[in-house]
Protein backbone atom coordinates (compact mmCIF):
# COMPACT_ATOMS: atom_id res chain seq x y z
CA MET A 1 119.87 88.00 96.80
CA GLN A 2 117.96 90.94 95.32
CA SER A 3 119.40 94.29 96.43
CA TYR A 4 117.41 97.50 96.94
CA LEU A 5 118.84 100.94 97.60
CA TYR A 6 117.66 101.97 101.06
CA PHE A 7 117.25 105.23 102.98
CA PRO A 8 117.20 104.63 106.78
CA GLY A 9 116.70 108.16 108.06
CA CYS A 10 117.61 109.68 111.43
CA SER A 11 115.19 108.00 113.83
CA LEU A 12 116.09 104.53 112.65
CA ARG A 13 119.66 105.15 113.72
CA THR A 14 118.72 106.36 117.19
CA ALA A 15 115.37 105.93 118.98
CA ALA A 16 113.98 103.48 116.41
CA LYS A 17 117.08 101.39 115.77
CA GLU A 18 115.06 98.21 116.28
CA PHE A 19 112.96 99.13 113.22
CA ASP A 20 116.06 99.35 111.04
CA ASP A 21 117.64 96.21 112.49
CA SER A 22 114.51 94.09 112.19
CA ALA A 23 113.80 95.21 108.62
CA ARG A 24 117.32 94.43 107.45
CA ALA A 25 117.20 91.02 109.14
CA CYS A 26 113.80 90.25 107.58
CA GLY A 27 115.07 91.34 104.21
CA GLN A 28 118.00 88.95 104.45
CA ALA A 29 115.69 86.10 105.45
CA LEU A 30 113.49 86.83 102.42
CA GLY A 31 116.36 87.24 99.96
CA THR A 32 116.04 91.04 99.73
CA GLU A 33 119.05 93.06 100.84
CA LEU A 34 118.45 96.64 101.94
CA LYS A 35 121.60 98.36 100.70
CA GLU A 36 122.09 101.68 102.47
CA MET A 37 122.55 104.62 100.12
CA GLN A 38 125.69 106.72 100.27
CA GLY A 39 125.72 110.17 101.86
CA TRP A 40 122.18 110.25 103.19
CA LEU A 41 121.07 113.06 105.50
CA CYS A 42 117.93 114.13 107.34
CA CYS A 43 114.88 114.34 105.05
CA GLY A 44 113.46 117.24 107.03
CA ALA A 45 110.77 115.15 108.73
CA VAL A 46 107.84 117.13 107.31
CA CYS A 47 107.02 117.81 103.66
CA THR A 48 106.40 121.50 103.15
CA ASN A 49 102.96 122.62 102.00
CA THR A 50 104.29 126.07 101.09
CA PRO A 51 105.55 125.64 97.52
CA ASP A 52 107.43 128.95 97.38
CA VAL A 53 109.65 128.18 100.40
CA LEU A 54 112.26 126.35 98.38
CA MET A 55 114.85 126.08 101.15
CA THR A 56 112.79 123.40 102.92
CA GLN A 57 112.95 121.31 99.74
CA ALA A 58 116.73 121.41 99.43
CA GLY A 59 117.45 118.56 101.86
CA PRO A 60 115.10 115.90 100.48
CA ASN A 61 116.04 116.91 96.93
CA ARG A 62 119.70 116.39 97.76
CA ILE A 63 118.93 112.92 99.13
CA LEU A 64 117.03 111.90 96.01
CA ALA A 65 119.66 113.32 93.67
CA ARG A 66 122.37 111.31 95.42
CA ALA A 67 120.23 108.19 95.41
CA SER A 68 119.50 108.58 91.69
CA ARG A 69 123.21 108.20 90.97
CA GLU A 70 123.08 104.70 92.48
CA SER A 71 119.65 103.47 91.42
CA ASN A 72 116.35 104.39 89.78
CA SER A 73 114.46 103.52 92.97
CA LEU A 74 114.77 104.04 96.71
CA VAL A 75 113.21 102.02 99.54
CA THR A 76 112.16 103.61 102.84
CA LEU A 77 110.80 102.36 106.18
CA CYS A 78 109.76 105.32 108.30
CA ALA A 79 106.31 106.57 107.27
CA GLY A 80 107.48 110.16 107.69
CA CYS A 81 110.59 109.75 105.54
CA HIS A 82 108.58 107.91 102.94
CA ASN A 83 106.02 110.72 102.81
CA VAL A 84 108.64 113.46 102.47
CA LEU A 85 110.78 111.74 99.85
CA LYS A 86 107.93 110.47 97.69
CA ARG A 87 106.20 113.85 97.64
CA THR A 88 109.50 115.60 96.94
CA SER A 89 110.13 113.35 93.92
CA ILE A 90 106.66 114.25 92.60
CA GLN A 91 107.09 117.97 93.26
CA ALA A 92 110.44 117.95 91.44
CA LYS A 93 108.62 117.07 88.22
CA ARG A 94 105.88 119.67 88.51
CA ASN A 95 107.75 122.94 88.13
CA ARG A 96 110.93 122.96 86.09
CA GLU A 97 111.84 126.54 86.98
CA LYS A 98 111.64 125.93 90.74
CA GLN A 99 113.51 122.67 90.40
CA GLU A 100 116.32 124.38 88.52
CA THR A 101 116.64 126.84 91.42
CA ILE A 102 116.83 124.00 93.95
CA ASN A 103 119.33 122.12 91.80
CA GLU A 104 121.52 125.21 91.51
CA PHE A 105 121.52 125.62 95.29
CA ASN A 106 122.34 121.93 95.78
CA GLU A 107 124.92 121.98 92.97
CA GLU A 108 122.94 119.27 91.22
CA GLU A 109 122.65 120.12 87.54
CA THR A 110 120.20 117.58 86.19
CA PHE A 111 118.01 116.08 88.92
CA ASN A 112 114.34 116.20 87.91
CA GLY A 113 112.67 113.78 90.33
CA ASP A 114 113.27 110.78 88.12
CA ILE A 115 113.46 108.19 90.91
CA LYS A 116 110.77 105.95 92.37
CA VAL A 117 110.31 105.99 96.15
CA TYR A 118 108.90 102.82 97.67
CA HIS A 119 107.93 101.76 101.15
CA PHE A 120 109.26 98.40 102.36
CA LEU A 121 105.63 97.27 102.62
CA GLU A 122 105.37 97.70 98.84
CA VAL A 123 108.47 95.58 98.34
CA LEU A 124 106.95 92.83 100.49
CA ARG A 125 103.57 93.03 98.76
CA ASP A 126 104.46 93.73 95.12
CA ILE A 127 107.90 92.15 94.64
CA VAL A 128 108.46 89.46 97.27
CA GLY A 129 104.74 88.64 97.50
CA PHE A 130 102.84 87.66 100.63
CA ASP A 131 102.53 84.06 99.45
CA ALA A 132 106.34 83.86 99.40
CA VAL A 133 106.43 85.42 102.89
CA ARG A 134 103.97 82.79 104.10
CA ALA A 135 106.14 80.01 102.66
CA LYS A 136 109.20 81.31 104.56
CA CYS A 137 107.54 81.38 107.99
CA LYS A 138 109.08 79.11 110.61
CA THR A 139 107.26 80.16 113.78
CA SER A 140 103.52 80.16 114.27
CA LEU A 141 101.74 83.36 115.30
CA GLN A 142 98.37 81.65 114.98
CA GLY A 143 95.47 83.61 116.37
CA LEU A 144 97.47 86.61 117.61
CA PRO A 145 95.00 89.54 117.37
CA VAL A 146 96.98 92.48 115.97
CA ALA A 147 95.70 95.97 115.17
CA ALA A 148 97.46 97.53 112.18
CA TYR A 149 97.87 101.26 112.73
CA TYR A 150 98.48 103.33 109.58
CA GLY A 151 98.26 106.86 110.91
CA CYS A 152 98.38 109.80 108.51
CA LEU A 153 101.55 109.75 106.49
CA LEU A 154 101.50 106.33 104.83
CA LEU A 155 98.27 107.20 103.00
CA ARG A 156 97.95 111.00 102.84
CA PRO A 157 97.75 112.99 100.64
CA PHE A 158 95.91 110.26 98.75
CA ARG A 159 96.73 111.32 95.18
CA GLU A 160 100.45 111.48 95.84
CA MET A 161 101.07 108.55 98.17
CA GLN A 162 98.95 105.87 96.44
CA LEU A 163 100.24 103.15 98.75
CA ASP A 164 96.85 101.54 99.20
CA ASP A 165 93.14 102.26 99.28
CA PRO A 166 93.03 105.54 101.25
CA HIS A 167 89.82 104.68 103.06
CA ARG A 168 90.13 100.91 103.51
CA PRO A 169 93.84 100.05 103.39
CA THR A 170 94.77 96.38 103.75
CA VAL A 171 98.50 96.10 103.08
CA ILE A 172 99.55 95.69 106.72
CA GLU A 173 96.60 93.41 107.49
CA ASP A 174 97.47 91.25 104.47
CA LEU A 175 101.04 90.96 105.70
CA LEU A 176 99.87 90.09 109.20
CA GLU A 177 97.54 87.45 107.82
CA SER A 178 100.36 85.92 105.79
CA ILE A 179 102.38 85.32 108.96
CA GLY A 180 99.47 83.78 110.85
CA CYS A 181 98.15 86.71 112.84
CA SER A 182 94.47 87.62 113.11
CA PRO A 183 94.18 91.27 111.96
CA VAL A 184 91.76 93.37 113.99
CA ASP A 185 89.38 95.67 112.13
CA TYR A 186 88.76 98.89 114.06
CA PRO A 187 87.63 102.39 113.02
CA SER A 188 90.62 104.45 114.19
CA ARG A 189 93.44 102.81 112.24
CA THR A 190 93.96 105.81 109.93
CA GLU A 191 93.33 108.56 112.51
CA CYS A 192 96.12 110.96 113.54
CA CYS A 193 98.04 110.09 116.72
CA GLY A 194 98.92 113.75 117.30
CA SER A 195 102.24 113.84 115.47
CA TYR A 196 104.66 116.47 116.83
CA LEU A 197 102.13 117.78 119.36
CA SER A 198 103.85 115.43 121.78
CA VAL A 199 106.26 118.31 122.45
CA PRO A 200 104.01 121.40 122.92
CA ALA A 201 100.76 119.66 123.84
CA PRO A 202 101.27 116.21 125.39
CA GLU A 203 97.74 116.31 126.78
CA THR A 204 96.48 116.27 123.18
CA ILE A 205 98.53 113.15 122.54
CA GLN A 206 96.93 111.50 125.54
CA ARG A 207 93.52 112.12 124.03
CA LEU A 208 94.20 111.34 120.36
CA SER A 209 96.46 108.33 120.84
CA GLY A 210 94.41 107.14 123.79
CA ASP A 211 91.28 107.08 121.63
CA ILE A 212 93.10 105.06 118.95
CA LEU A 213 94.27 102.47 121.45
CA GLN A 214 90.86 102.26 123.06
CA SER A 215 89.34 101.64 119.65
CA ALA A 216 91.86 98.86 118.94
CA ARG A 217 91.48 97.24 122.36
CA SER A 218 87.69 97.34 122.31
CA ASN A 219 87.77 95.39 119.06
CA GLY A 220 89.99 92.68 120.53
CA ALA A 221 93.56 93.76 119.77
CA LYS A 222 96.36 92.51 122.03
CA ILE A 223 99.20 94.09 120.00
CA VAL A 224 99.42 97.17 117.75
CA ALA A 225 101.72 97.10 114.68
CA VAL A 226 103.04 100.40 113.32
CA SER A 227 105.33 101.78 110.61
CA CYS A 228 106.26 105.13 112.13
CA PRO A 229 108.64 105.86 115.03
CA LEU A 230 106.67 108.95 116.04
CA CYS A 231 103.38 107.05 116.02
CA LYS A 232 104.99 104.38 118.20
CA TYR A 233 106.27 107.01 120.60
CA ASN A 234 102.91 108.77 120.87
CA LEU A 235 100.93 105.56 121.35
CA GLU A 236 103.32 104.51 124.10
CA LEU A 237 103.31 107.99 125.65
CA SER A 238 99.54 107.86 126.03
CA GLN A 239 99.90 104.73 128.18
CA THR A 240 102.46 105.93 130.71
CA GLN A 241 99.87 105.81 133.51
CA ASN A 242 98.44 102.47 132.39
CA SER A 243 99.43 99.48 134.53
CA SER A 244 98.66 97.11 131.63
CA PRO A 245 99.79 98.91 128.46
CA THR A 246 99.11 97.51 125.02
CA PRO A 247 102.44 96.58 123.36
CA ILE A 248 103.32 98.68 120.29
CA VAL A 249 105.69 96.99 117.83
CA TYR A 250 106.95 97.57 114.31
CA PHE A 251 105.43 95.32 111.67
CA THR A 252 108.96 94.11 110.86
CA GLN A 253 109.36 92.76 114.39
CA LEU A 254 106.30 90.53 114.05
CA LEU A 255 107.46 89.48 110.60
CA GLY A 256 110.86 88.63 112.05
CA ILE A 257 109.36 86.38 114.72
CA ALA A 258 107.41 84.51 112.05
CA LEU A 259 110.59 84.11 109.98
CA GLY A 260 112.34 82.52 112.96
CA LEU A 261 114.72 85.39 113.79
CA ASN A 262 115.91 85.82 117.36
CA GLN A 263 114.87 88.40 119.91
CA GLN A 264 118.14 90.33 119.76
CA GLU A 265 118.04 90.71 115.97
CA LEU A 266 114.56 92.16 116.22
CA GLY A 267 115.15 94.53 119.13
CA LEU A 268 112.33 92.95 121.14
CA ASP A 269 112.40 92.99 124.93
CA ASP A 270 110.85 90.38 127.20
CA PHE A 271 107.72 92.47 127.78
CA HIS A 272 106.82 92.42 124.08
CA VAL A 273 107.72 88.75 123.59
CA GLN A 274 105.65 87.66 126.58
CA ALA A 275 102.72 89.78 125.41
CA ILE A 276 102.88 88.13 121.99
CA ARG A 277 102.89 84.70 123.57
CA ARG A 278 99.92 85.51 125.78
CA GLY A 279 97.95 86.84 122.83
CA MET A 280 98.17 83.65 120.77
CA GLN A 281 95.61 80.90 120.71
CA THR A 282 98.40 78.33 120.82
CA PRO A 283 101.36 79.97 122.60
CA ILE A 284 104.25 78.17 120.90
CA VAL A 285 106.34 81.19 119.94
CA LYS A 286 110.00 80.45 120.31
CA VAL A 287 112.25 83.49 120.23
CA ALA A 288 115.88 82.56 120.82
């Protein structure tokens, strides 16, 4: 069993617990343990674009400094946490004087950003390998038309994130294909869902997220797979008045079904399971 130091973040312990649970279960099934780091705290949710406001960088720097005492790499799941921590590790190397100030505040004498931050998708693609994922599948998802939704934070800013091709990403589609799904190509998969505007301007979420879902549905999608709790929330929020909403699931939940894990382990309710069954060409999904 290969072990990877893992940062869960706040949402995955509360509103998005099924994301955390399903990822850990999938990791176990694939021989990759997600070992939770010690003493983690909130990453801050948004990476500051004001370089002189050092206080906003204290939290994510503290997380990375603590993680660096356990490992030279850190795996994340939430797209927001991944964005904040990866960009913080890069920023820590850019200006030694500013980093010394942050370290002094955090009582960390030597941290200089020397830790690699990975998304779980990168572990699946670059270390486990999608061929190995395919070989581990026990349940067919043949023909299930799934729209991969990337949103903003997995890919942007392009020079810093470097997760995939910024204009034509394929990592989620490649994973979906490896577990038997039929990835749906649609133009809005990297558009913004509205982010935190769900609080001050929910009508904007209705428009932005609604357009994304319409784009996915019009190209044949029956399910949307995401990697961000806020994206999931916004996409679901835009469908509150829809009598036939499109199910939004985490990519780890679909992966878990293919690996033969049960419904409880994956945090899937009957609505999502039935929708998956209906979307398949040969509805033989068996979720215990």
